Each structure stands twice: as C-alpha cells, then as structure tokens.
Amino acid sequence: MIILIKLRERRFLMWLSPVFERFVVHSPVTIIVRAMMEVILAPEKLDKLFEKTAQTGYTRELLFSTLVHMMSLVVCSVRF
C-alpha cells in the first residue's frame, strides 16, 4: 500500500509494510497518536527545551529526553 501524506504544504509518499498496513486500516487513531508523540517528544527538541529553560537541573549522566522516553513507556504500559 502506498499513501500520500500532505504535511505543511509538502507531500510525502510512504510505502507501508503489510503489518503496518493492518494497523492503519483497523486502528488509525493508534497510528496518529504514535506519530504525534514521536514529533512532539522528539529527543532533540526535548533536550533543547530543557537546556533553554532548566534553572537547577543538569545533563551530566542522564539526558532529559531519556527520562521522558522512559516515563512514556511506563505511562503507556509498554512491556518488552
């Protein structure tokens, strides 16, 4: 399956694997939410936001984006 996505006046073609295609057909909201989370919670954006606004924190051993990623796994009940 090939889909055309229009995002901010740009067009993208996506090739979907058969497994992914089934999710798009049967659970499109899940795909949309996951895509939004990946854009909104992009590690680079989160780390820049932290560096810009943090007053007392530091990133010596653990990046803020890593903490957000781990917490999102807990909140969404993702298990490996």
C-alpha atoms as a PDB file:
ATOM      1  CA  MET A   1       0.000   0.000   0.000  1.00  0.00           C
ATOM      2  CA  ILE A   2       1.242   3.488  -0.834  1.00  0.00           C
ATOM      3  CA  ILE A   3      -0.201   6.537   0.879  1.00  0.00           C
ATOM      4  CA  LEU A   4       0.281  10.217   0.162  1.00  0.00           C
ATOM      5  CA  ILE A   5       0.735  12.452   3.181  1.00  0.00           C
ATOM      6  CA  LYS A   6       0.488  16.232   2.969  1.00  0.00           C
ATOM      7  CA  LEU A   7       2.280  17.975   5.824  1.00  0.00           C
ATOM      8  CA  ARG A   8       2.879  21.711   5.908  1.00  0.00           C
ATOM      9  CA  GLU A   9       2.424  22.072   2.185  1.00  0.00           C
ATOM     10  CA  ARG A  10       4.881  19.240   1.479  1.00  0.00           C
ATOM     11  CA  ARG A  11       3.887  15.873   0.109  1.00  0.00           C
ATOM     12  CA  PHE A  12       5.403  12.583   1.163  1.00  0.00           C
ATOM     13  CA  LEU A  13       4.879   9.110  -0.237  1.00  0.00           C
ATOM     14  CA  MET A  14       5.020   6.252   2.240  1.00  0.00           C
ATOM     15  CA  TRP A  15       5.405   2.582   1.483  1.00  0.00           C
ATOM     16  CA  LEU A  16       3.627   0.569   4.137  1.00  0.00           C
ATOM     17  CA  SER A  17       4.540  -2.929   5.140  1.00  0.00           C
ATOM     18  CA  PRO A  18       1.650  -5.408   5.302  1.00  0.00           C
ATOM     19  CA  VAL A  19       1.777  -5.480   9.118  1.00  0.00           C
ATOM     20  CA  PHE A  20       1.757  -1.693   9.410  1.00  0.00           C
ATOM     21  CA  GLU A  21      -0.992  -1.512   6.796  1.00  0.00           C
ATOM     22  CA  ARG A  22      -3.245  -3.641   9.017  1.00  0.00           C
ATOM     23  CA  PHE A  23      -2.777  -1.201  11.888  1.00  0.00           C
ATOM     24  CA  VAL A  24      -3.594   1.746   9.623  1.00  0.00           C
ATOM     25  CA  VAL A  25      -6.791   0.078   8.445  1.00  0.00           C
ATOM     26  CA  HIS A  26      -8.009  -1.308  11.787  1.00  0.00           C
ATOM     27  CA  SER A  27      -6.676   1.250  14.261  1.00  0.00           C
ATOM     28  CA  PRO A  28      -5.845   4.576  12.585  1.00  0.00           C
ATOM     29  CA  VAL A  29      -6.115   6.555  15.828  1.00  0.00           C
ATOM     30  CA  THR A  30      -3.308   4.493  17.326  1.00  0.00           C
ATOM     31  CA  ILE A  31      -1.056   5.329  14.381  1.00  0.00           C
ATOM     32  CA  ILE A  32      -1.928   9.030  14.526  1.00  0.00           C
ATOM     33  CA  VAL A  33      -1.265   9.266  18.276  1.00  0.00           C
ATOM     34  CA  ARG A  34       2.043   7.414  17.934  1.00  0.00           C
ATOM     35  CA  ALA A  35       3.137   9.711  15.103  1.00  0.00           C
ATOM     36  CA  MET A  36       2.190  12.802  17.113  1.00  0.00           C
ATOM     37  CA  MET A  37       4.118  11.538  20.134  1.00  0.00           C
ATOM     38  CA  GLU A  38       7.207  10.950  18.007  1.00  0.00           C
ATOM     39  CA  VAL A  39       7.064  14.507  16.657  1.00  0.00           C
ATOM     40  CA  ILE A  40       6.155  16.236  19.921  1.00  0.00           C
ATOM     41  CA  LEU A  41       8.533  14.207  22.081  1.00  0.00           C
ATOM     42  CA  ALA A  42      11.488  14.196  19.685  1.00  0.00           C
ATOM     43  CA  PRO A  43      14.662  13.823  21.787  1.00  0.00           C
ATOM     44  CA  GLU A  44      16.462  16.751  20.168  1.00  0.00           C
ATOM     45  CA  LYS A  45      13.537  19.108  20.834  1.00  0.00           C
ATOM     46  CA  LEU A  46      13.173  17.979  24.439  1.00  0.00           C
ATOM     47  CA  ASP A  47      16.877  18.374  25.182  1.00  0.00           C
ATOM     48  CA  LYS A  48      16.929  21.863  23.634  1.00  0.00           C
ATOM     49  CA  LEU A  49      13.857  22.846  25.648  1.00  0.00           C
ATOM     50  CA  PHE A  50      15.490  21.574  28.843  1.00  0.00           C
ATOM     51  CA  GLU A  51      18.744  23.428  28.160  1.00  0.00           C
ATOM     52  CA  LYS A  52      16.809  26.601  27.422  1.00  0.00           C
ATOM     53  CA  THR A  53      14.505  26.544  30.467  1.00  0.00           C
ATOM     54  CA  ALA A  54      16.169  24.485  33.226  1.00  0.00           C
ATOM     55  CA  GLN A  55      17.392  26.514  36.167  1.00  0.00           C
ATOM     56  CA  THR A  56      18.717  23.840  38.509  1.00  0.00           C
ATOM     57  CA  GLY A  57      18.944  20.600  36.510  1.00  0.00           C
ATOM     58  CA  TYR A  58      21.906  19.213  34.635  1.00  0.00           C
ATOM     59  CA  THR A  59      22.505  16.535  31.990  1.00  0.00           C
ATOM     60  CA  ARG A  60      25.750  15.017  33.193  1.00  0.00           C
ATOM     61  CA  GLU A  61      24.613  11.380  33.269  1.00  0.00           C
ATOM     62  CA  LEU A  62      21.026  11.273  32.022  1.00  0.00           C
ATOM     63  CA  LEU A  63      19.522  13.376  29.244  1.00  0.00           C
ATOM     64  CA  PHE A  64      16.089  14.854  29.811  1.00  0.00           C
ATOM     65  CA  SER A  65      14.849  13.150  26.623  1.00  0.00           C
ATOM     66  CA  THR A  66      15.917   9.767  28.020  1.00  0.00           C
ATOM     67  CA  LEU A  67      13.895  10.395  31.171  1.00  0.00           C
ATOM     68  CA  VAL A  68      10.837  11.409  29.109  1.00  0.00           C
ATOM     69  CA  HIS A  69      11.230   8.296  26.958  1.00  0.00           C
ATOM     70  CA  MET A  70      11.377   6.003  29.990  1.00  0.00           C
ATOM     71  CA  MET A  71       8.385   7.695  31.611  1.00  0.00           C
ATOM     72  CA  SER A  72       6.350   7.442  28.394  1.00  0.00           C
ATOM     73  CA  LEU A  73       6.976   3.680  28.373  1.00  0.00           C
ATOM     74  CA  VAL A  74       5.627   3.476  31.929  1.00  0.00           C
ATOM     75  CA  VAL A  75       2.621   5.703  31.245  1.00  0.00           C
ATOM     76  CA  CYS A  76       1.712   3.823  28.058  1.00  0.00           C
ATOM     77  CA  SER A  77       2.279   0.439  29.743  1.00  0.00           C
ATOM     78  CA  VAL A  78       4.791  -0.717  27.143  1.00  0.00           C
ATOM     79  CA  ARG A  79       6.437  -4.025  28.058  1.00  0.00           C
ATOM     80  CA  PHE A  80       9.364  -5.740  26.401  1.00  0.00           C
END
